[in-house]
């Protein structure tokens, strides 16, 4: 009986970890030492793979990344500043926050909400 209960608990936990889906439009408030601004993302998620687009201060770019449980990481190339990387944690189905690095502009933080 204990094995069956443990298997059920494990299955429920595994389903909860894979349930995150970032597909949709997100708006992020970004704060860097060099200043602050808003970045907009349109994500499509397939399994753990994330793809999409960025629009913001640095124009437009293709985004790639991963989602593992509640952990998300995505990046794109900013022609003006170099590689831009976001690492964050999902907070429910419609919020995330974490750190970001904007190439030559340095490191900062972000909070994002699904629109």
PDB file of N, CA and C in Angstrom:
ATOM      1  N   UNK A   1       0.822  -1.207   0.000  1.00  0.00           N
ATOM      2  CA  UNK A   1       0.000   0.000   0.000  1.00  0.00           C
ATOM      3  C   UNK A   1       0.861   1.264   0.000  1.00  0.00           C
ATOM      4  N   UNK A   2       1.946   1.272   0.743  1.00  0.00           N
ATOM      5  CA  UNK A   2       2.803   2.443   0.798  1.00  0.00           C
ATOM      6  C   UNK A   2       3.435   2.740  -0.552  1.00  0.00           C
ATOM      7  N   UNK A   3       3.830   1.690  -1.293  1.00  0.00           N
ATOM      8  CA  UNK A   3       4.420   1.897  -2.614  1.00  0.00           C
ATOM      9  C   UNK A   3       3.450   2.583  -3.556  1.00  0.00           C
ATOM     10  N   UNK A   4       2.208   2.152  -3.537  1.00  0.00           N
ATOM     11  CA  UNK A   4       1.182   2.747  -4.402  1.00  0.00           C
ATOM     12  C   UNK A   4       0.972   4.218  -4.068  1.00  0.00           C
ATOM     13  N   UNK A   5       0.941   4.547  -2.783  1.00  0.00           N
ATOM     14  CA  UNK A   5       0.761   5.932  -2.351  1.00  0.00           C
ATOM     15  C   UNK A   5       1.968   6.774  -2.756  1.00  0.00           C
ATOM     16  N   UNK A   6       3.167   6.232  -2.584  1.00  0.00           N
ATOM     17  CA  UNK A   6       4.373   6.961  -2.957  1.00  0.00           C
ATOM     18  C   UNK A   6       4.424   7.194  -4.469  1.00  0.00           C
ATOM     19  N   UNK A   7       4.012   6.206  -5.241  1.00  0.00           N
ATOM     20  CA  UNK A   7       3.989   6.357  -6.698  1.00  0.00           C
ATOM     21  C   UNK A   7       3.002   7.443  -7.101  1.00  0.00           C
ATOM     22  N   UNK A   8       1.859   7.489  -6.434  1.00  0.00           N
ATOM     23  CA  UNK A   8       0.857   8.503  -6.722  1.00  0.00           C
ATOM     24  C   UNK A   8       1.390   9.895  -6.388  1.00  0.00           C
ATOM     25  N   UNK A   9       2.025  10.040  -5.237  1.00  0.00           N
ATOM     26  CA  UNK A   9       2.593  11.329  -4.838  1.00  0.00           C
ATOM     27  C   UNK A   9       3.672  11.755  -5.829  1.00  0.00           C
ATOM     28  N   UNK A  10       4.532  10.839  -6.234  1.00  0.00           N
ATOM     29  CA  UNK A  10       5.582  11.144  -7.199  1.00  0.00           C
ATOM     30  C   UNK A  10       4.982  11.588  -8.522  1.00  0.00           C
ATOM     31  N   UNK A  11       3.959  10.906  -8.987  1.00  0.00           N
ATOM     32  CA  UNK A  11       3.308  11.275 -10.256  1.00  0.00           C
ATOM     33  C   UNK A  11       2.704  12.666 -10.191  1.00  0.00           C
ATOM     34  N   UNK A  12       2.074  12.995  -9.085  1.00  0.00           N
ATOM     35  CA  UNK A  12       1.471  14.316  -8.921  1.00  0.00           C
ATOM     36  C   UNK A  12       2.551  15.387  -8.905  1.00  0.00           C
ATOM     37  N   UNK A  13       3.647  15.147  -8.194  1.00  0.00           N
ATOM     38  CA  UNK A  13       4.752  16.117  -8.146  1.00  0.00           C
ATOM     39  C   UNK A  13       5.387  16.294  -9.516  1.00  0.00           C
ATOM     40  N   UNK A  14       5.588  15.218 -10.236  1.00  0.00           N
ATOM     41  CA  UNK A  14       6.191  15.298 -11.570  1.00  0.00           C
ATOM     42  C   UNK A  14       5.283  16.077 -12.514  1.00  0.00           C
ATOM     43  N   UNK A  15       3.985  15.856 -12.433  1.00  0.00           N
ATOM     44  CA  UNK A  15       3.039  16.591 -13.283  1.00  0.00           C
ATOM     45  C   UNK A  15       3.066  18.074 -12.945  1.00  0.00           C
ATOM     46  N   UNK A  16       3.178  18.419 -11.666  1.00  0.00           N
ATOM     47  CA  UNK A  16       3.228  19.822 -11.265  1.00  0.00           C
ATOM     48  C   UNK A  16       4.481  20.501 -11.805  1.00  0.00           C
ATOM     49  N   UNK A  17       5.605  19.785 -11.827  1.00  0.00           N
ATOM     50  CA  UNK A  17       6.850  20.363 -12.315  1.00  0.00           C
ATOM     51  C   UNK A  17       6.840  20.590 -13.820  1.00  0.00           C
ATOM     52  N   UNK A  18       6.110  19.787 -14.566  1.00  0.00           N
ATOM     53  CA  UNK A  18       6.093  19.935 -16.017  1.00  0.00           C
ATOM     54  C   UNK A  18       4.895  20.748 -16.502  1.00  0.00           C
ATOM     55  N   UNK A  19       4.068  21.242 -15.588  1.00  0.00           N
ATOM     56  CA  UNK A  19       2.844  21.926 -15.966  1.00  0.00           C
ATOM     57  C   UNK A  19       3.068  23.360 -16.444  1.00  0.00           C
ATOM     58  N   UNK A  20       4.223  23.959 -16.159  1.00  0.00           N
ATOM     59  CA  UNK A  20       4.469  25.348 -16.536  1.00  0.00           C
ATOM     60  C   UNK A  20       4.481  25.492 -18.062  1.00  0.00           C
ATOM     61  N   UNK A  21       3.788  26.497 -18.556  1.00  0.00           N
ATOM     62  CA  UNK A  21       3.774  26.785 -19.984  1.00  0.00           C
ATOM     63  C   UNK A  21       3.804  28.300 -20.152  1.00  0.00           C
ATOM     64  N   UNK A  22       4.885  28.823 -20.725  1.00  0.00           N
ATOM     65  CA  UNK A  22       5.058  30.266 -20.896  1.00  0.00           C
ATOM     66  C   UNK A  22       4.453  30.795 -22.180  1.00  0.00           C
ATOM     67  N   UNK A  23       3.851  29.937 -22.996  1.00  0.00           N
ATOM     68  CA  UNK A  23       3.295  30.364 -24.270  1.00  0.00           C
ATOM     69  C   UNK A  23       2.392  31.578 -24.069  1.00  0.00           C
ATOM     70  N   UNK A  24       2.667  32.627 -24.846  1.00  0.00           N
ATOM     71  CA  UNK A  24       1.876  33.840 -24.764  1.00  0.00           C
ATOM     72  C   UNK A  24       2.748  35.079 -24.780  1.00  0.00           C
ATOM     73  N   UNK A  25       2.140  36.219 -24.485  1.00  0.00           N
ATOM     74  CA  UNK A  25       2.825  37.506 -24.490  1.00  0.00           C
ATOM     75  C   UNK A  25       3.119  37.936 -23.060  1.00  0.00           C
ATOM     76  N   UNK A  26       4.362  38.375 -22.825  1.00  0.00           N
ATOM     77  CA  UNK A  26       4.818  38.787 -21.500  1.00  0.00           C
ATOM     78  C   UNK A  26       5.426  40.183 -21.587  1.00  0.00           C
ATOM     79  N   UNK A  27       5.231  40.961 -20.540  1.00  0.00           N
ATOM     80  CA  UNK A  27       5.840  42.280 -20.427  1.00  0.00           C
ATOM     81  C   UNK A  27       6.750  42.269 -19.205  1.00  0.00           C
ATOM     82  N   UNK A  28       8.013  42.675 -19.397  1.00  0.00           N
ATOM     83  CA  UNK A  28       8.995  42.633 -18.312  1.00  0.00           C
ATOM     84  C   UNK A  28       9.487  44.034 -17.983  1.00  0.00           C
ATOM     85  N   UNK A  29       9.519  44.357 -16.703  1.00  0.00           N
ATOM     86  CA  UNK A  29      10.152  45.574 -16.220  1.00  0.00           C
ATOM     87  C   UNK A  29      11.578  45.216 -15.855  1.00  0.00           C
ATOM     88  N   UNK A  30      12.538  45.879 -16.481  1.00  0.00           N
ATOM     89  CA  UNK A  30      13.947  45.555 -16.325  1.00  0.00           C
ATOM     90  C   UNK A  30      14.655  46.716 -15.646  1.00  0.00           C
ATOM     91  N   UNK A  31      15.472  46.406 -14.630  1.00  0.00           N
ATOM     92  CA  UNK A  31      16.266  47.418 -13.940  1.00  0.00           C
ATOM     93  C   UNK A  31      17.730  47.025 -14.004  1.00  0.00           C
ATOM     94  N   UNK A  32      18.540  47.889 -14.613  1.00  0.00           N
ATOM     95  CA  UNK A  32      19.989  47.712 -14.720  1.00  0.00           C
ATOM     96  C   UNK A  32      20.673  48.891 -14.035  1.00  0.00           C
ATOM     97  N   UNK A  33      21.969  48.758 -13.766  1.00  0.00           N
ATOM     98  CA  UNK A  33      22.716  49.904 -13.256  1.00  0.00           C
ATOM     99  C   UNK A  33      22.659  51.063 -14.249  1.00  0.00           C
ATOM    100  N   UNK A  34      22.596  50.748 -15.545  1.00  0.00           N
ATOM    101  CA  UNK A  34      22.593  51.760 -16.598  1.00  0.00           C
ATOM    102  C   UNK A  34      21.223  52.411 -16.802  1.00  0.00           C
ATOM    103  N   UNK A  35      20.182  51.908 -16.144  1.00  0.00           N
ATOM    104  CA  UNK A  35      18.841  52.463 -16.298  1.00  0.00           C
ATOM    105  C   UNK A  35      17.790  51.378 -16.278  1.00  0.00           C
ATOM    106  N   UNK A  36      16.556  51.750 -16.599  1.00  0.00           N
ATOM    107  CA  UNK A  36      15.465  50.776 -16.582  1.00  0.00           C
ATOM    108  C   UNK A  36      14.602  50.941 -17.819  1.00  0.00           C
ATOM    109  N   UNK A  37      13.803  49.912 -18.082  1.00  0.00           N
ATOM    110  CA  UNK A  37      12.931  49.948 -19.246  1.00  0.00           C
ATOM    111  C   UNK A  37      12.007  48.757 -19.269  1.00  0.00           C
ATOM    112  N   UNK A  38      11.265  48.630 -20.349  1.00  0.00           N
ATOM    113  CA  UNK A  38      10.314  47.539 -20.518  1.00  0.00           C
ATOM    114  C   UNK A  38      10.708  46.704 -21.730  1.00  0.00           C
ATOM    115  N   UNK A  39      10.685  45.397 -21.556  1.00  0.00           N
ATOM    116  CA  UNK A  39      10.935  44.448 -22.645  1.00  0.00           C
ATOM    117  C   UNK A  39       9.674  43.634 -22.848  1.00  0.00           C
ATOM    118  N   UNK A  40       9.306  43.393 -24.096  1.00  0.00           N
ATOM    119  CA  UNK A  40       8.130  42.585 -24.401  1.00  0.00           C
ATOM    120  C   UNK A  40       8.564  41.309 -25.106  1.00  0.00           C
ATOM    121  N   UNK A  41       7.985  40.192 -24.666  1.00  0.00           N
ATOM    122  CA  UNK A  41       8.331  38.889 -25.211  1.00  0.00           C
ATOM    123  C   UNK A  41       7.074  38.181 -25.676  1.00  0.00           C
ATOM    124  N   UNK A  42       7.197  37.471 -26.772  1.00  0.00           N
ATOM    125  CA  UNK A  42       6.133  36.579 -27.239  1.00  0.00           C
ATOM    126  C   UNK A  42       6.763  35.190 -27.286  1.00  0.00           C
ATOM    127  N   UNK A  43       6.310  34.296 -26.400  1.00  0.00           N
ATOM    128  CA  UNK A  43       6.898  32.968 -26.255  1.00  0.00           C
ATOM    129  C   UNK A  43       6.008  31.880 -26.826  1.00  0.00           C
ATOM    130  N   UNK A  44       6.643  30.843 -27.360  1.00  0.00           N
ATOM    131  CA  UNK A  44       6.005  29.586 -27.707  1.00  0.00           C
ATOM    132  C   UNK A  44       6.817  28.503 -27.014  1.00  0.00           C
ATOM    133  N   UNK A  45       6.139  27.653 -26.263  1.00  0.00           N
ATOM    134  CA  UNK A  45       6.825  26.592 -25.535  1.00  0.00           C
ATOM    135  C   UNK A  45       6.408  25.234 -26.065  1.00  0.00           C
ATOM    136  N   UNK A  46       7.398  24.366 -26.279  1.00  0.00           N
ATOM    137  CA  UNK A  46       7.167  22.986 -26.673  1.00  0.00           C
ATOM    138  C   UNK A  46       8.002  22.115 -25.756  1.00  0.00           C
ATOM    139  N   UNK A  47       7.353  21.431 -24.817  1.00  0.00           N
ATOM    140  CA  UNK A  47       8.090  20.681 -23.801  1.00  0.00           C
ATOM    141  C   UNK A  47       8.903  21.650 -22.974  1.00  0.00           C
ATOM    142  N   UNK A  48      10.210  21.394 -22.861  1.00  0.00           N
ATOM    143  CA  UNK A  48      11.094  22.286 -22.115  1.00  0.00           C
ATOM    144  C   UNK A  48      11.702  23.374 -22.995  1.00  0.00           C
ATOM    145  N   UNK A  49      11.486  23.312 -24.298  1.00  0.00           N
ATOM    146  CA  UNK A  49      12.087  24.269 -25.229  1.00  0.00           C
ATOM    147  C   UNK A  49      11.223  25.523 -25.374  1.00  0.00           C
ATOM    148  N   UNK A  50      11.890  26.657 -25.370  1.00  0.00           N
ATOM    149  CA  UNK A  50      11.216  27.941 -25.458  1.00  0.00           C
ATOM    150  C   UNK A  50      11.757  28.697 -26.675  1.00  0.00           C
ATOM    151  N   UNK A  51      10.877  29.287 -27.455  1.00  0.00           N
ATOM    152  CA  UNK A  51      11.287  30.121 -28.582  1.00  0.00           C
ATOM    153  C   UNK A  51      10.345  31.312 -28.633  1.00  0.00           C
ATOM    154  N   UNK A  52      10.730  32.307 -29.406  1.00  0.00           N
ATOM    155  CA  UNK A  52       9.860  33.463 -29.509  1.00  0.00           C
ATOM    156  C   UNK A  52      10.582  34.692 -29.981  1.00  0.00           C
ATOM    157  N   UNK A  53      10.064  35.854 -29.544  1.00  0.00           N
ATOM    158  CA  UNK A  53      10.632  37.115 -29.994  1.00  0.00           C
ATOM    159  C   UNK A  53      10.656  38.138 -28.869  1.00  0.00           C
ATOM    160  N   UNK A  54      11.595  39.072 -29.014  1.00  0.00           N
ATOM    161  CA  UNK A  54      11.766  40.201 -28.100  1.00  0.00           C
ATOM    162  C   UNK A  54      11.500  41.475 -28.880  1.00  0.00           C
ATOM    163  N   UNK A  55      10.825  42.433 -28.265  1.00  0.00           N
ATOM    164  CA  UNK A  55      10.745  43.792 -28.783  1.00  0.00           C
ATOM    165  C   UNK A  55      10.964  44.732 -27.607  1.00  0.00           C
ATOM    166  N   UNK A  56      11.734  45.770 -27.849  1.00  0.00           N
ATOM    167  CA  UNK A  56      12.018  46.721 -26.782  1.00  0.00           C
ATOM    168  C   UNK A  56      13.026  47.764 -27.210  1.00  0.00           C
ATOM    169  N   UNK A  57      13.731  48.315 -26.250  1.00  0.00           N
ATOM    170  CA  UNK A  57      14.698  49.381 -26.483  1.00  0.00           C
ATOM    171  C   UNK A  57      15.715  49.029 -27.561  1.00  0.00           C
ATOM    172  N   UNK A  58      16.084  47.747 -27.635  1.00  0.00           N
ATOM    173  CA  UNK A  58      17.120  47.332 -28.578  1.00  0.00           C
ATOM    174  C   UNK A  58      16.543  46.730 -29.856  1.00  0.00           C
ATOM    175  N   UNK A  59      15.323  47.104 -30.208  1.00  0.00           N
ATOM    176  CA  UNK A  59      14.714  46.651 -31.447  1.00  0.00           C
ATOM    177  C   UNK A  59      13.971  45.341 -31.293  1.00  0.00           C
ATOM    178  N   UNK A  60      14.219  44.417 -32.211  1.00  0.00           N
ATOM    179  CA  UNK A  60      13.563  43.113 -32.215  1.00  0.00           C
ATOM    180  C   UNK A  60      14.618  42.025 -32.357  1.00  0.00           C
ATOM    181  N   UNK A  61      14.336  40.859 -31.768  1.00  0.00           N
ATOM    182  CA  UNK A  61      15.279  39.742 -31.855  1.00  0.00           C
ATOM    183  C   UNK A  61      14.551  38.428 -31.606  1.00  0.00           C
ATOM    184  N   UNK A  62      15.130  37.345 -32.117  1.00  0.00           N
ATOM    185  CA  UNK A  62      14.625  36.006 -31.842  1.00  0.00           C
ATOM    186  C   UNK A  62      15.139  35.556 -30.488  1.00  0.00           C
ATOM    187  N   UNK A  63      14.261  34.884 -29.729  1.00  0.00           N
ATOM    188  CA  UNK A  63      14.576  34.427 -28.375  1.00  0.00           C
ATOM    189  C   UNK A  63      14.563  32.901 -28.350  1.00  0.00           C
ATOM    190  N   UNK A  64      15.522  32.305 -27.637  1.00  0.00           N
ATOM    191  CA  UNK A  64      15.510  30.863 -27.385  1.00  0.00           C
ATOM    192  C   UNK A  64      15.775  30.637 -25.908  1.00  0.00           C
ATOM    193  N   UNK A  65      15.307  29.492 -25.394  1.00  0.00           N
ATOM    194  CA  UNK A  65      15.533  29.202 -23.991  1.00  0.00           C
ATOM    195  C   UNK A  65      14.957  27.871 -23.570  1.00  0.00           C
ATOM    196  N   UNK A  66      14.920  27.676 -22.249  1.00  0.00           N
ATOM    197  CA  UNK A  66      14.391  26.450 -21.664  1.00  0.00           C
ATOM    198  C   UNK A  66      13.535  26.761 -20.447  1.00  0.00           C
ATOM    199  N   UNK A  67      12.620  25.838 -20.155  1.00  0.00           N
ATOM    200  CA  UNK A  67      11.799  25.893 -18.960  1.00  0.00           C
ATOM    201  C   UNK A  67      11.908  24.528 -18.298  1.00  0.00           C
ATOM    202  N   UNK A  68      12.388  24.509 -17.058  1.00  0.00           N
ATOM    203  CA  UNK A  68      12.521  23.264 -16.313  1.00  0.00           C
ATOM    204  C   UNK A  68      11.852  23.451 -14.964  1.00  0.00           C
ATOM    205  N   UNK A  69      10.663  22.855 -14.832  1.00  0.00           N
ATOM    206  CA  UNK A  69       9.894  23.073 -13.612  1.00  0.00           C
ATOM    207  C   UNK A  69       9.494  24.531 -13.526  1.00  0.00           C
ATOM    208  N   UNK A  70       9.872  25.205 -12.431  1.00  0.00           N
ATOM    209  CA  UNK A  70       9.560  26.630 -12.292  1.00  0.00           C
ATOM    210  C   UNK A  70      10.751  27.521 -12.657  1.00  0.00           C
ATOM    211  N   UNK A  71      11.808  26.921 -13.196  1.00  0.00           N
ATOM    212  CA  UNK A  71      13.005  27.674 -13.594  1.00  0.00           C
ATOM    213  C   UNK A  71      12.985  27.953 -15.089  1.00  0.00           C
ATOM    214  N   UNK A  72      13.252  29.191 -15.448  1.00  0.00           N
ATOM    215  CA  UNK A  72      13.242  29.588 -16.858  1.00  0.00           C
ATOM    216  C   UNK A  72      14.539  30.325 -17.189  1.00  0.00           C
ATOM    217  N   UNK A  73      15.057  30.071 -18.384  1.00  0.00           N
ATOM    218  CA  UNK A  73      16.230  30.781 -18.879  1.00  0.00           C
ATOM    219  C   UNK A  73      16.045  31.021 -20.367  1.00  0.00           C
ATOM    220  N   UNK A  74      16.247  32.262 -20.793  1.00  0.00           N
ATOM    221  CA  UNK A  74      16.136  32.571 -22.207  1.00  0.00           C
ATOM    222  C   UNK A  74      17.113  33.684 -22.557  1.00  0.00           C
ATOM    223  N   UNK A  75      17.453  33.749 -23.851  1.00  0.00           N
ATOM    224  CA  UNK A  75      18.442  34.733 -24.284  1.00  0.00           C
ATOM    225  C   UNK A  75      18.199  35.154 -25.723  1.00  0.00           C
ATOM    226  N   UNK A  76      18.844  36.258 -26.083  1.00  0.00           N
ATOM    227  CA  UNK A  76      18.817  36.747 -27.456  1.00  0.00           C
ATOM    228  C   UNK A  76      20.029  37.651 -27.660  1.00  0.00           C
ATOM    229  N   UNK A  77      20.330  37.934 -28.904  1.00  0.00           N
ATOM    230  CA  UNK A  77      21.454  38.807 -29.224  1.00  0.00           C
ATOM    231  C   UNK A  77      20.948  40.216 -29.448  1.00  0.00           C
ATOM    232  N   UNK A  78      21.507  41.137 -28.670  1.00  0.00           N
ATOM    233  CA  UNK A  78      21.210  42.557 -28.844  1.00  0.00           C
ATOM    234  C   UNK A  78      22.330  43.174 -29.661  1.00  0.00           C
ATOM    235  N   UNK A  79      22.049  43.539 -30.882  1.00  0.00           N
ATOM    236  CA  UNK A  79      23.083  44.058 -31.783  1.00  0.00           C
ATOM    237  C   UNK A  79      23.931  45.148 -31.132  1.00  0.00           C
ATOM    238  N   UNK A  80      23.306  45.995 -30.335  1.00  0.00           N
ATOM    239  CA  UNK A  80      24.006  47.139 -29.763  1.00  0.00           C
ATOM    240  C   UNK A  80      24.817  46.808 -28.511  1.00  0.00           C
ATOM    241  N   UNK A  81      24.419  45.767 -27.770  1.00  0.00           N
ATOM    242  CA  UNK A  81      25.068  45.505 -26.474  1.00  0.00           C
ATOM    243  C   UNK A  81      25.627  44.095 -26.316  1.00  0.00           C
ATOM    244  N   UNK A  82      25.361  43.191 -27.244  1.00  0.00           N
ATOM    245  CA  UNK A  82      25.838  41.816 -27.131  1.00  0.00           C
ATOM    246  C   UNK A  82      24.741  40.881 -26.650  1.00  0.00           C
ATOM    247  N   UNK A  83      25.140  39.727 -26.138  1.00  0.00           N
ATOM    248  CA  UNK A  83      24.187  38.700 -25.706  1.00  0.00           C
ATOM    249  C   UNK A  83      23.445  39.147 -24.451  1.00  0.00           C
ATOM    250  N   UNK A  84      22.143  38.917 -24.463  1.00  0.00           N
ATOM    251  CA  UNK A  84      21.274  39.268 -23.345  1.00  0.00           C
ATOM    252  C   UNK A  84      20.668  37.979 -22.800  1.00  0.00           C
ATOM    253  N   UNK A  85      20.817  37.752 -21.478  1.00  0.00           N
ATOM    254  CA  UNK A  85      20.385  36.509 -20.849  1.00  0.00           C
ATOM    255  C   UNK A  85      19.472  36.818 -19.661  1.00  0.00           C
ATOM    256  N   UNK A  86      18.337  36.125 -19.606  1.00  0.00           N
ATOM    257  CA  UNK A  86      17.406  36.200 -18.480  1.00  0.00           C
ATOM    258  C   UNK A  86      17.387  34.846 -17.776  1.00  0.00           C
ATOM    259  N   UNK A  87      17.433  34.849 -16.441  1.00  0.00           N
ATOM    260  CA  UNK A  87      17.272  33.642 -15.631  1.00  0.00           C
ATOM    261  C   UNK A  87      16.279  33.977 -14.532  1.00  0.00           C
ATOM    262  N   UNK A  88      15.218  33.169 -14.456  1.00  0.00           N
ATOM    263  CA  UNK A  88      14.199  33.503 -13.479  1.00  0.00           C
ATOM    264  C   UNK A  88      13.426  32.312 -12.968  1.00  0.00           C
ATOM    265  N   UNK A  89      12.471  32.643 -12.126  1.00  0.00           N
ATOM    266  CA  UNK A  89      11.607  31.650 -11.512  1.00  0.00           C
ATOM    267  C   UNK A  89      10.158  32.059 -11.757  1.00  0.00           C
ATOM    268  N   UNK A  90       9.354  31.079 -12.176  1.00  0.00           N
ATOM    269  CA  UNK A  90       7.928  31.319 -12.373  1.00  0.00           C
ATOM    270  C   UNK A  90       7.240  31.444 -11.033  1.00  0.00           C
ATOM    271  N   UNK A  91       6.271  32.346 -10.961  1.00  0.00           N
ATOM    272  CA  UNK A  91       5.467  32.547  -9.761  1.00  0.00           C
ATOM    273  C   UNK A  91       4.018  32.364 -10.176  1.00  0.00           C
ATOM    274  N   UNK A  92       3.552  31.125 -10.117  1.00  0.00           N
ATOM    275  CA  UNK A  92       2.223  30.826 -10.616  1.00  0.00           C
ATOM    276  C   UNK A  92       2.245  30.768 -12.138  1.00  0.00           C
ATOM    277  N   UNK A  93       1.103  30.987 -12.756  1.00  0.00           N
ATOM    278  CA  UNK A  93       0.998  30.864 -14.214  1.00  0.00           C
ATOM    279  C   UNK A  93       1.224  32.182 -14.946  1.00  0.00           C
ATOM    280  N   UNK A  94       1.282  33.314 -14.221  1.00  0.00           N
ATOM    281  CA  UNK A  94       1.319  34.577 -14.935  1.00  0.00           C
ATOM    282  C   UNK A  94       2.387  35.572 -14.477  1.00  0.00           C
ATOM    283  N   UNK A  95       3.324  35.132 -13.639  1.00  0.00           N
ATOM    284  CA  UNK A  95       4.387  36.038 -13.195  1.00  0.00           C
ATOM    285  C   UNK A  95       5.706  35.295 -13.137  1.00  0.00           C
ATOM    286  N   UNK A  96       6.795  36.028 -13.356  1.00  0.00           N
ATOM    287  CA  UNK A  96       8.131  35.488 -13.159  1.00  0.00           C
ATOM    288  C   UNK A  96       9.053  36.638 -12.776  1.00  0.00           C
ATOM    289  N   UNK A  97      10.166  36.300 -12.141  1.00  0.00           N
ATOM    290  CA  UNK A  97      11.148  37.314 -11.786  1.00  0.00           C
ATOM    291  C   UNK A  97      12.510  36.657 -11.682  1.00  0.00           C
ATOM    292  N   UNK A  98      13.547  37.486 -11.751  1.00  0.00           N
ATOM    293  CA  UNK A  98      14.887  36.944 -11.649  1.00  0.00           C
ATOM    294  C   UNK A  98      15.942  37.954 -12.022  1.00  0.00           C
ATOM    295  N   UNK A  99      17.047  37.443 -12.558  1.00  0.00           N
ATOM    296  CA  UNK A  99      18.177  38.285 -12.926  1.00  0.00           C
ATOM    297  C   UNK A  99      18.334  38.308 -14.439  1.00  0.00           C
ATOM    298  N   UNK A 100      19.015  39.334 -14.914  1.00  0.00           N
ATOM    299  CA  UNK A 100      19.288  39.437 -16.336  1.00  0.00           C
ATOM    300  C   UNK A 100      20.659  40.072 -16.524  1.00  0.00           C
ATOM    301  N   UNK A 101      21.243  39.789 -17.666  1.00  0.00           N
ATOM    302  CA  UNK A 101      22.523  40.389 -18.017  1.00  0.00           C
ATOM    303  C   UNK A 101      22.412  40.924 -19.434  1.00  0.00           C
ATOM    304  N   UNK A 102      22.613  42.214 -19.575  1.00  0.00           N
ATOM    305  CA  UNK A 102      22.477  42.891 -20.855  1.00  0.00           C
ATOM    306  C   UNK A 102      23.844  43.226 -21.436  1.00  0.00           C
ATOM    307  N   UNK A 103      24.614  42.193 -21.737  1.00  0.00           N
ATOM    308  CA  UNK A 103      25.908  42.362 -22.393  1.00  0.00           C
ATOM    309  C   UNK A 103      26.736  43.474 -21.789  1.00  0.00           C
ATOM    310  N   UNK A 104      27.115  44.441 -22.616  1.00  0.00           N
ATOM    311  CA  UNK A 104      27.982  45.546 -22.207  1.00  0.00           C
ATOM    312  C   UNK A 104      27.328  46.469 -21.174  1.00  0.00           C
ATOM    313  N   UNK A 105      26.002  46.421 -21.042  1.00  0.00           N
ATOM    314  CA  UNK A 105      25.316  47.288 -20.078  1.00  0.00           C
ATOM    315  C   UNK A 105      25.330  46.735 -18.660  1.00  0.00           C
ATOM    316  N   UNK A 106      25.690  45.479 -18.486  1.00  0.00           N
ATOM    317  CA  UNK A 106      25.798  44.904 -17.151  1.00  0.00           C
ATOM    318  C   UNK A 106      24.586  44.106 -16.711  1.00  0.00           C
ATOM    319  N   UNK A 107      24.590  43.817 -15.416  1.00  0.00           N
ATOM    320  CA  UNK A 107      23.582  42.944 -14.816  1.00  0.00           C
ATOM    321  C   UNK A 107      22.454  43.741 -14.189  1.00  0.00           C
ATOM    322  N   UNK A 108      21.333  43.032 -13.981  1.00  0.00           N
ATOM    323  CA  UNK A 108      20.188  43.660 -13.349  1.00  0.00           C
ATOM    324  C   UNK A 108      19.158  42.639 -12.938  1.00  0.00           C
ATOM    325  N   UNK A 109      17.936  43.118 -12.727  1.00  0.00           N
ATOM    326  CA  UNK A 109      16.825  42.247 -12.322  1.00  0.00           C
ATOM    327  C   UNK A 109      15.624  42.538 -13.216  1.00  0.00           C
ATOM    328  N   UNK A 110      14.668  41.596 -13.197  1.00  0.00           N
ATOM    329  CA  UNK A 110      13.432  41.790 -13.953  1.00  0.00           C
ATOM    330  C   UNK A 110      12.265  41.175 -13.221  1.00  0.00           C
ATOM    331  N   UNK A 111      11.090  41.722 -13.466  1.00  0.00           N
ATOM    332  CA  UNK A 111       9.815  41.121 -13.094  1.00  0.00           C
ATOM    333  C   UNK A 111       8.963  41.142 -14.355  1.00  0.00           C
ATOM    334  N   UNK A 112       8.241  40.058 -14.595  1.00  0.00           N
ATOM    335  CA  UNK A 112       7.437  39.980 -15.821  1.00  0.00           C
ATOM    336  C   UNK A 112       6.048  39.438 -15.513  1.00  0.00           C
ATOM    337  N   UNK A 113       5.088  39.880 -16.310  1.00  0.00           N
ATOM    338  CA  UNK A 113       3.704  39.416 -16.195  1.00  0.00           C
ATOM    339  C   UNK A 113       3.191  39.027 -17.566  1.00  0.00           C
ATOM    340  N   UNK A 114       2.390  37.953 -17.558  1.00  0.00           N
ATOM    341  CA  UNK A 114       1.714  37.523 -18.791  1.00  0.00           C
ATOM    342  C   UNK A 114       0.598  38.503 -19.103  1.00  0.00           C
ATOM    343  N   UNK A 115       0.485  38.867 -20.359  1.00  0.00           N
ATOM    344  CA  UNK A 115      -0.575  39.795 -20.799  1.00  0.00           C
ATOM    345  C   UNK A 115      -1.738  39.045 -21.393  1.00  0.00           C
TER     346      UNK A 115
END
